[in-house]
Amino acid sequence: MSTTSLRGKAAAALLGFLVGGATGFLLTETVGAFLTFVLDRSLDVDGTGALLAAFIAVPILCALVGAAIGAHLAGRPPFQNKG
C-alpha cells in the first residue's frame, strides 16, 4: 500500500469521523427536541446516569462508524455509470 493511498484513507476516515460525530450529535438533539416539543416530556440527564451515558455514547459511536465507512469507501474504485 503506498503512502498516497494511506494518506487518502486517513483523510477519508477523518472526514467520516467528523461527519459521523455531527450526525450523532444531531440525532441526540433531534430526539431531545422531539420528546420536549411533541411529547411534552423534558429529559433530565442529571437524574439518571444511563441517559447521560447515552447522550455521550451516541455521537462517539456514530463518529467511529463514520470513520470506518470513510476508510472503507476510500479504498474502492470510483463509481462509473455504464449506461
PDB file of N, CA and C in Angstrom:
ATOM      1  N   MET A   1       0.858  -1.174   0.000  1.00  0.00           N
ATOM      2  CA  MET A   1       0.000   0.000   0.000  1.00  0.00           C
ATOM      3  C   MET A   1       0.899   1.229   0.000  1.00  0.00           C
ATOM      4  N   SER A   2       0.679   2.145  -0.899  1.00  0.00           N
ATOM      5  CA  SER A   2       1.520   3.326  -0.996  1.00  0.00           C
ATOM      6  C   SER A   2       1.113   4.381   0.024  1.00  0.00           C
ATOM      7  N   THR A   3       2.007   5.351   0.220  1.00  0.00           N
ATOM      8  CA  THR A   3       1.712   6.404   1.195  1.00  0.00           C
ATOM      9  C   THR A   3       0.587   7.304   0.720  1.00  0.00           C
ATOM     10  N   THR A   4       0.426   7.433  -0.593  1.00  0.00           N
ATOM     11  CA  THR A   4      -0.663   8.262  -1.114  1.00  0.00           C
ATOM     12  C   THR A   4      -2.008   7.639  -0.782  1.00  0.00           C
ATOM     13  N   SER A   5      -2.129   6.338  -0.953  1.00  0.00           N
ATOM     14  CA  SER A   5      -3.404   5.701  -0.629  1.00  0.00           C
ATOM     15  C   SER A   5      -3.644   5.682   0.876  1.00  0.00           C
ATOM     16  N   LEU A   6      -2.572   5.558   1.661  1.00  0.00           N
ATOM     17  CA  LEU A   6      -2.718   5.640   3.108  1.00  0.00           C
ATOM     18  C   LEU A   6      -3.165   7.028   3.535  1.00  0.00           C
ATOM     19  N   ARG A   7      -2.583   8.038   2.904  1.00  0.00           N
ATOM     20  CA  ARG A   7      -2.968   9.416   3.217  1.00  0.00           C
ATOM     21  C   ARG A   7      -4.410   9.671   2.800  1.00  0.00           C
ATOM     22  N   GLY A   8      -4.834   9.114   1.680  1.00  0.00           N
ATOM     23  CA  GLY A   8      -6.213   9.262   1.233  1.00  0.00           C
ATOM     24  C   GLY A   8      -7.199   8.556   2.155  1.00  0.00           C
ATOM     25  N   LYS A   9      -6.806   7.370   2.620  1.00  0.00           N
ATOM     26  CA  LYS A   9      -7.675   6.645   3.560  1.00  0.00           C
ATOM     27  C   LYS A   9      -7.769   7.378   4.890  1.00  0.00           C
ATOM     28  N   ALA A  10      -6.655   7.946   5.335  1.00  0.00           N
ATOM     29  CA  ALA A  10      -6.674   8.682   6.602  1.00  0.00           C
ATOM     30  C   ALA A  10      -7.542   9.928   6.489  1.00  0.00           C
ATOM     31  N   ALA A  11      -7.450  10.616   5.366  1.00  0.00           N
ATOM     32  CA  ALA A  11      -8.272  11.811   5.166  1.00  0.00           C
ATOM     33  C   ALA A  11      -9.755  11.437   5.093  1.00  0.00           C
ATOM     34  N   ALA A  12     -10.058  10.354   4.415  1.00  0.00           N
ATOM     35  CA  ALA A  12     -11.452   9.908   4.321  1.00  0.00           C
ATOM     36  C   ALA A  12     -11.968   9.452   5.681  1.00  0.00           C
ATOM     37  N   ALA A  13     -11.115   8.793   6.455  1.00  0.00           N
ATOM     38  CA  ALA A  13     -11.522   8.364   7.793  1.00  0.00           C
ATOM     39  C   ALA A  13     -11.754   9.568   8.703  1.00  0.00           C
ATOM     40  N   LEU A  14     -10.910  10.592   8.595  1.00  0.00           N
ATOM     41  CA  LEU A  14     -11.095  11.804   9.394  1.00  0.00           C
ATOM     42  C   LEU A  14     -12.388  12.518   9.010  1.00  0.00           C
ATOM     43  N   LEU A  15     -12.628  12.619   7.726  1.00  0.00           N
ATOM     44  CA  LEU A  15     -13.872  13.243   7.267  1.00  0.00           C
ATOM     45  C   LEU A  15     -15.083  12.433   7.739  1.00  0.00           C
ATOM     46  N   GLY A  16     -15.022  11.123   7.636  1.00  0.00           N
ATOM     47  CA  GLY A  16     -16.103  10.269   8.115  1.00  0.00           C
ATOM     48  C   GLY A  16     -16.301  10.401   9.612  1.00  0.00           C
ATOM     49  N   PHE A  17     -15.206  10.543  10.353  1.00  0.00           N
ATOM     50  CA  PHE A  17     -15.283  10.724  11.799  1.00  0.00           C
ATOM     51  C   PHE A  17     -16.018  12.016  12.145  1.00  0.00           C
ATOM     52  N   LEU A  18     -15.671  13.099  11.461  1.00  0.00           N
ATOM     53  CA  LEU A  18     -16.309  14.386  11.723  1.00  0.00           C
ATOM     54  C   LEU A  18     -17.789  14.381  11.328  1.00  0.00           C
ATOM     55  N   VAL A  19     -18.081  13.833  10.159  1.00  0.00           N
ATOM     56  CA  VAL A  19     -19.474  13.779   9.708  1.00  0.00           C
ATOM     57  C   VAL A  19     -20.294  12.847  10.602  1.00  0.00           C
ATOM     58  N   GLY A  20     -19.732  11.718  10.983  1.00  0.00           N
ATOM     59  CA  GLY A  20     -20.433  10.796  11.869  1.00  0.00           C
ATOM     60  C   GLY A  20     -20.688  11.401  13.240  1.00  0.00           C
ATOM     61  N   GLY A  21     -19.716  12.110  13.777  1.00  0.00           N
ATOM     62  CA  GLY A  21     -19.904  12.763  15.066  1.00  0.00           C
ATOM     63  C   GLY A  21     -20.981  13.834  15.010  1.00  0.00           C
ATOM     64  N   ALA A  22     -20.971  14.620  13.926  1.00  0.00           N
ATOM     65  CA  ALA A  22     -22.010  15.641  13.759  1.00  0.00           C
ATOM     66  C   ALA A  22     -23.382  14.995  13.601  1.00  0.00           C
ATOM     67  N   THR A  23     -23.440  13.892  12.894  1.00  0.00           N
ATOM     68  CA  THR A  23     -24.707  13.182  12.729  1.00  0.00           C
ATOM     69  C   THR A  23     -25.214  12.642  14.062  1.00  0.00           C
ATOM     70  N   GLY A  24     -24.322  12.083  14.862  1.00  0.00           N
ATOM     71  CA  GLY A  24     -24.714  11.582  16.175  1.00  0.00           C
ATOM     72  C   GLY A  24     -25.195  12.697  17.094  1.00  0.00           C
ATOM     73  N   PHE A  25     -24.530  13.847  17.027  1.00  0.00           N
ATOM     74  CA  PHE A  25     -24.962  14.991  17.828  1.00  0.00           C
ATOM     75  C   PHE A  25     -26.352  15.457  17.390  1.00  0.00           C
ATOM     76  N   LEU A  26     -26.561  15.568  16.086  1.00  0.00           N
ATOM     77  CA  LEU A  26     -27.873  15.973  15.589  1.00  0.00           C
ATOM     78  C   LEU A  26     -28.947  14.942  15.934  1.00  0.00           C
ATOM     79  N   LEU A  27     -28.583  13.676  15.937  1.00  0.00           N
ATOM     80  CA  LEU A  27     -29.534  12.627  16.301  1.00  0.00           C
ATOM     81  C   LEU A  27     -29.986  12.768  17.752  1.00  0.00           C
ATOM     82  N   THR A  28     -29.040  12.999  18.660  1.00  0.00           N
ATOM     83  CA  THR A  28     -29.423  13.159  20.062  1.00  0.00           C
ATOM     84  C   THR A  28     -30.228  14.428  20.275  1.00  0.00           C
ATOM     85  N   GLU A  29     -29.869  15.496  19.587  1.00  0.00           N
ATOM     86  CA  GLU A  29     -30.616  16.745  19.729  1.00  0.00           C
ATOM     87  C   GLU A  29     -32.023  16.613  19.139  1.00  0.00           C
ATOM     88  N   THR A  30     -32.152  15.876  18.058  1.00  0.00           N
ATOM     89  CA  THR A  30     -33.465  15.665  17.459  1.00  0.00           C
ATOM     90  C   THR A  30     -34.367  14.859  18.382  1.00  0.00           C
ATOM     91  N   VAL A  31     -33.820  13.828  18.990  1.00  0.00           N
ATOM     92  CA  VAL A  31     -34.608  13.026  19.931  1.00  0.00           C
ATOM     93  C   VAL A  31     -35.025  13.876  21.126  1.00  0.00           C
ATOM     94  N   GLY A  32     -34.095  14.673  21.635  1.00  0.00           N
ATOM     95  CA  GLY A  32     -34.427  15.548  22.758  1.00  0.00           C
ATOM     96  C   GLY A  32     -35.485  16.575  22.407  1.00  0.00           C
ATOM     97  N   ALA A  33     -35.378  17.184  21.225  1.00  0.00           N
ATOM     98  CA  ALA A  33     -36.380  18.168  20.797  1.00  0.00           C
ATOM     99  C   ALA A  33     -37.735  17.507  20.559  1.00  0.00           C
ATOM    100  N   PHE A  34     -37.733  16.312  19.984  1.00  0.00           N
ATOM    101  CA  PHE A  34     -38.981  15.602  19.750  1.00  0.00           C
ATOM    102  C   PHE A  34     -39.689  15.298  21.066  1.00  0.00           C
ATOM    103  N   LEU A  35     -38.927  14.793  22.030  1.00  0.00           N
ATOM    104  CA  LEU A  35     -39.536  14.472  23.315  1.00  0.00           C
ATOM    105  C   LEU A  35     -40.037  15.726  24.027  1.00  0.00           C
ATOM    106  N   THR A  36     -39.326  16.831  23.883  1.00  0.00           N
ATOM    107  CA  THR A  36     -39.718  18.058  24.569  1.00  0.00           C
ATOM    108  C   THR A  36     -40.937  18.700  23.923  1.00  0.00           C
ATOM    109  N   PHE A  37     -40.906  18.870  22.609  1.00  0.00           N
ATOM    110  CA  PHE A  37     -41.950  19.644  21.938  1.00  0.00           C
ATOM    111  C   PHE A  37     -43.158  18.807  21.527  1.00  0.00           C
ATOM    112  N   VAL A  38     -42.954  17.572  21.134  1.00  0.00           N
ATOM    113  CA  VAL A  38     -44.067  16.758  20.652  1.00  0.00           C
ATOM    114  C   VAL A  38     -44.707  15.978  21.804  1.00  0.00           C
ATOM    115  N   LEU A  39     -43.900  15.337  22.621  1.00  0.00           N
ATOM    116  CA  LEU A  39     -44.441  14.514  23.699  1.00  0.00           C
ATOM    117  C   LEU A  39     -44.549  15.261  25.031  1.00  0.00           C
ATOM    118  N   ASP A  40     -44.061  16.500  25.058  1.00  0.00           N
ATOM    119  CA  ASP A  40     -44.119  17.364  26.240  1.00  0.00           C
ATOM    120  C   ASP A  40     -43.500  16.688  27.472  1.00  0.00           C
ATOM    121  N   ARG A  41     -42.326  16.098  27.250  1.00  0.00           N
ATOM    122  CA  ARG A  41     -41.588  15.450  28.337  1.00  0.00           C
ATOM    123  C   ARG A  41     -40.133  15.873  28.221  1.00  0.00           C
ATOM    124  N   SER A  42     -39.642  16.593  29.207  1.00  0.00           N
ATOM    125  CA  SER A  42     -38.250  17.045  29.153  1.00  0.00           C
ATOM    126  C   SER A  42     -37.326  15.943  29.654  1.00  0.00           C
ATOM    127  N   LEU A  43     -36.129  15.927  29.111  1.00  0.00           N
ATOM    128  CA  LEU A  43     -35.148  14.929  29.510  1.00  0.00           C
ATOM    129  C   LEU A  43     -34.266  15.499  30.610  1.00  0.00           C
ATOM    130  N   ASP A  44     -34.140  14.793  31.707  1.00  0.00           N
ATOM    131  CA  ASP A  44     -33.315  15.211  32.822  1.00  0.00           C
ATOM    132  C   ASP A  44     -32.095  14.300  32.888  1.00  0.00           C
ATOM    133  N   VAL A  45     -30.977  14.776  32.338  1.00  0.00           N
ATOM    134  CA  VAL A  45     -29.783  13.936  32.328  1.00  0.00           C
ATOM    135  C   VAL A  45     -29.090  13.916  33.677  1.00  0.00           C
ATOM    136  N   ASP A  46     -29.447  14.831  34.579  1.00  0.00           N
ATOM    137  CA  ASP A  46     -28.866  14.806  35.918  1.00  0.00           C
ATOM    138  C   ASP A  46     -29.471  13.700  36.773  1.00  0.00           C
ATOM    139  N   GLY A  47     -30.699  13.315  36.464  1.00  0.00           N
ATOM    140  CA  GLY A  47     -31.388  12.320  37.275  1.00  0.00           C
ATOM    141  C   GLY A  47     -30.898  10.900  37.062  1.00  0.00           C
ATOM    142  N   THR A  48     -30.563  10.560  35.819  1.00  0.00           N
ATOM    143  CA  THR A  48     -30.152   9.188  35.531  1.00  0.00           C
ATOM    144  C   THR A  48     -28.811   9.183  34.803  1.00  0.00           C
ATOM    145  N   GLY A  49     -27.959   8.293  35.230  1.00  0.00           N
ATOM    146  CA  GLY A  49     -26.659   8.171  34.577  1.00  0.00           C
ATOM    147  C   GLY A  49     -26.745   7.508  33.216  1.00  0.00           C
ATOM    148  N   ALA A  50     -27.747   6.655  33.036  1.00  0.00           N
ATOM    149  CA  ALA A  50     -27.887   5.945  31.759  1.00  0.00           C
ATOM    150  C   ALA A  50     -28.222   6.912  30.628  1.00  0.00           C
ATOM    151  N   LEU A  51     -29.074   7.887  30.898  1.00  0.00           N
ATOM    152  CA  LEU A  51     -29.435   8.855  29.862  1.00  0.00           C
ATOM    153  C   LEU A  51     -28.248   9.729  29.499  1.00  0.00           C
ATOM    154  N   LEU A  52     -27.476  10.141  30.481  1.00  0.00           N
ATOM    155  CA  LEU A  52     -26.275  10.927  30.218  1.00  0.00           C
ATOM    156  C   LEU A  52     -25.262  10.112  29.421  1.00  0.00           C
ATOM    157  N   ALA A  53     -25.111   8.845  29.775  1.00  0.00           N
ATOM    158  CA  ALA A  53     -24.190   7.965  29.040  1.00  0.00           C
ATOM    159  C   ALA A  53     -24.637   7.792  27.592  1.00  0.00           C
ATOM    160  N   ALA A  54     -25.937   7.712  27.367  1.00  0.00           N
ATOM    161  CA  ALA A  54     -26.445   7.571  26.003  1.00  0.00           C
ATOM    162  C   ALA A  54     -26.163   8.834  25.195  1.00  0.00           C
ATOM    163  N   PHE A  55     -26.339   9.995  25.815  1.00  0.00           N
ATOM    164  CA  PHE A  55     -26.092  11.241  25.107  1.00  0.00           C
ATOM    165  C   PHE A  55     -24.606  11.452  24.810  1.00  0.00           C
ATOM    166  N   ILE A  56     -23.744  10.811  25.561  1.00  0.00           N
ATOM    167  CA  ILE A  56     -22.312  10.879  25.284  1.00  0.00           C
ATOM    168  C   ILE A  56     -21.908   9.798  24.283  1.00  0.00           C
ATOM    169  N   ALA A  57     -22.476   8.608  24.415  1.00  0.00           N
ATOM    170  CA  ALA A  57     -22.053   7.466  23.609  1.00  0.00           C
ATOM    171  C   ALA A  57     -22.544   7.528  22.165  1.00  0.00           C
ATOM    172  N   VAL A  58     -23.734   8.055  21.933  1.00  0.00           N
ATOM    173  CA  VAL A  58     -24.289   8.050  20.573  1.00  0.00           C
ATOM    174  C   VAL A  58     -23.420   8.844  19.591  1.00  0.00           C
ATOM    175  N   PRO A  59     -22.999  10.085  19.891  1.00  0.00           N
ATOM    176  CA  PRO A  59     -22.117  10.780  18.947  1.00  0.00           C
ATOM    177  C   PRO A  59     -20.767  10.094  18.763  1.00  0.00           C
ATOM    178  N   ILE A  60     -20.234   9.505  19.839  1.00  0.00           N
ATOM    179  CA  ILE A  60     -18.944   8.824  19.714  1.00  0.00           C
ATOM    180  C   ILE A  60     -19.073   7.586  18.834  1.00  0.00           C
ATOM    181  N   LEU A  61     -20.112   6.799  19.045  1.00  0.00           N
ATOM    182  CA  LEU A  61     -20.313   5.607  18.213  1.00  0.00           C
ATOM    183  C   LEU A  61     -20.569   5.975  16.756  1.00  0.00           C
ATOM    184  N   CYS A  62     -21.367   7.017  16.530  1.00  0.00           N
ATOM    185  CA  CYS A  62     -21.616   7.457  15.155  1.00  0.00           C
ATOM    186  C   CYS A  62     -20.330   7.953  14.493  1.00  0.00           C
ATOM    187  N   ALA A  63     -19.467   8.623  15.259  1.00  0.00           N
ATOM    188  CA  ALA A  63     -18.190   9.086  14.718  1.00  0.00           C
ATOM    189  C   ALA A  63     -17.298   7.909  14.335  1.00  0.00           C
ATOM    190  N   LEU A  64     -17.249   6.889  15.173  1.00  0.00           N
ATOM    191  CA  LEU A  64     -16.428   5.719  14.854  1.00  0.00           C
ATOM    192  C   LEU A  64     -16.968   4.960  13.644  1.00  0.00           C
ATOM    193  N   VAL A  65     -18.280   4.837  13.554  1.00  0.00           N
ATOM    194  CA  VAL A  65     -18.879   4.188  12.380  1.00  0.00           C
ATOM    195  C   VAL A  65     -18.604   5.011  11.125  1.00  0.00           C
ATOM    196  N   GLY A  66     -18.708   6.331  11.242  1.00  0.00           N
ATOM    197  CA  GLY A  66     -18.410   7.200  10.098  1.00  0.00           C
ATOM    198  C   GLY A  66     -16.965   7.079   9.643  1.00  0.00           C
ATOM    199  N   ALA A  67     -16.038   6.963  10.586  1.00  0.00           N
ATOM    200  CA  ALA A  67     -14.628   6.790  10.229  1.00  0.00           C
ATOM    201  C   ALA A  67     -14.392   5.458   9.530  1.00  0.00           C
ATOM    202  N   ALA A  68     -15.031   4.414  10.008  1.00  0.00           N
ATOM    203  CA  ALA A  68     -14.880   3.099   9.369  1.00  0.00           C
ATOM    204  C   ALA A  68     -15.464   3.106   7.962  1.00  0.00           C
ATOM    205  N   ILE A  69     -16.603   3.735   7.789  1.00  0.00           N
ATOM    206  CA  ILE A  69     -17.214   3.808   6.460  1.00  0.00           C
ATOM    207  C   ILE A  69     -16.353   4.652   5.531  1.00  0.00           C
ATOM    208  N   GLY A  70     -15.839   5.773   6.032  1.00  0.00           N
ATOM    209  CA  GLY A  70     -14.979   6.625   5.200  1.00  0.00           C
ATOM    210  C   GLY A  70     -13.724   5.904   4.750  1.00  0.00           C
ATOM    211  N   ALA A  71     -13.079   5.180   5.656  1.00  0.00           N
ATOM    212  CA  ALA A  71     -11.875   4.435   5.297  1.00  0.00           C
ATOM    213  C   ALA A  71     -12.197   3.305   4.321  1.00  0.00           C
ATOM    214  N   HIS A  72     -13.339   2.681   4.495  1.00  0.00           N
ATOM    215  CA  HIS A  72     -13.735   1.597   3.593  1.00  0.00           C
ATOM    216  C   HIS A  72     -14.007   2.128   2.193  1.00  0.00           C
ATOM    217  N   LEU A  73     -14.723   3.232   2.112  1.00  0.00           N
ATOM    218  CA  LEU A  73     -15.066   3.774   0.800  1.00  0.00           C
ATOM    219  C   LEU A  73     -13.871   4.398   0.094  1.00  0.00           C
ATOM    220  N   ALA A  74     -12.843   4.792   0.835  1.00  0.00           N
ATOM    221  CA  ALA A  74     -11.659   5.378   0.208  1.00  0.00           C
ATOM    222  C   ALA A  74     -10.880   4.349  -0.593  1.00  0.00           C
ATOM    223  N   GLY A  75     -10.962   3.101  -0.215  1.00  0.00           N
ATOM    224  CA  GLY A  75     -10.226   2.067  -0.919  1.00  0.00           C
ATOM    225  C   GLY A  75     -10.928   1.518  -2.139  1.00  0.00           C
ATOM    226  N   ARG A  76     -12.167   1.938  -2.375  1.00  0.00           N
ATOM    227  CA  ARG A  76     -12.936   1.418  -3.501  1.00  0.00           C
ATOM    228  C   ARG A  76     -12.729   2.274  -4.745  1.00  0.00           C
ATOM    229  N   PRO A  77     -12.807   1.684  -5.913  1.00  0.00           N
ATOM    230  CA  PRO A  77     -12.707   2.490  -7.134  1.00  0.00           C
ATOM    231  C   PRO A  77     -13.952   3.364  -7.274  1.00  0.00           C
ATOM    232  N   PRO A  78     -13.810   4.478  -7.963  1.00  0.00           N
ATOM    233  CA  PRO A  78     -14.993   5.360  -8.108  1.00  0.00           C
ATOM    234  C   PRO A  78     -16.096   4.687  -8.919  1.00  0.00           C
ATOM    235  N   PHE A  79     -17.330   5.068  -8.613  1.00  0.00           N
ATOM    236  CA  PHE A  79     -18.495   4.517  -9.303  1.00  0.00           C
ATOM    237  C   PHE A  79     -18.529   5.046 -10.729  1.00  0.00           C
ATOM    238  N   GLN A  80     -18.763   4.154 -11.689  1.00  0.00           N
ATOM    239  CA  GLN A  80     -18.882   4.566 -13.080  1.00  0.00           C
ATOM    240  C   GLN A  80     -20.214   4.080 -13.622  1.00  0.00           C
ATOM    241  N   ASN A  81     -20.959   4.991 -14.164  1.00  0.00           N
ATOM    242  CA  ASN A  81     -22.267   4.668 -14.712  1.00  0.00           C
ATOM    243  C   ASN A  81     -22.082   4.019 -16.092  1.00  0.00           C
ATOM    244  N   LYS A  82     -22.623   2.815 -16.259  1.00  0.00           N
ATOM    245  CA  LYS A  82     -22.498   2.107 -17.547  1.00  0.00           C
ATOM    246  C   LYS A  82     -23.858   2.134 -18.224  1.00  0.00           C
ATOM    247  N   GLY A  83     -24.170   3.225 -18.791  1.00  0.00           N
ATOM    248  CA  GLY A  83     -25.480   3.291 -19.392  1.00  0.00           C
ATOM    249  C   GLY A  83     -25.441   4.036 -20.605  1.00  0.00           C
TER     250      GLY A  83
END
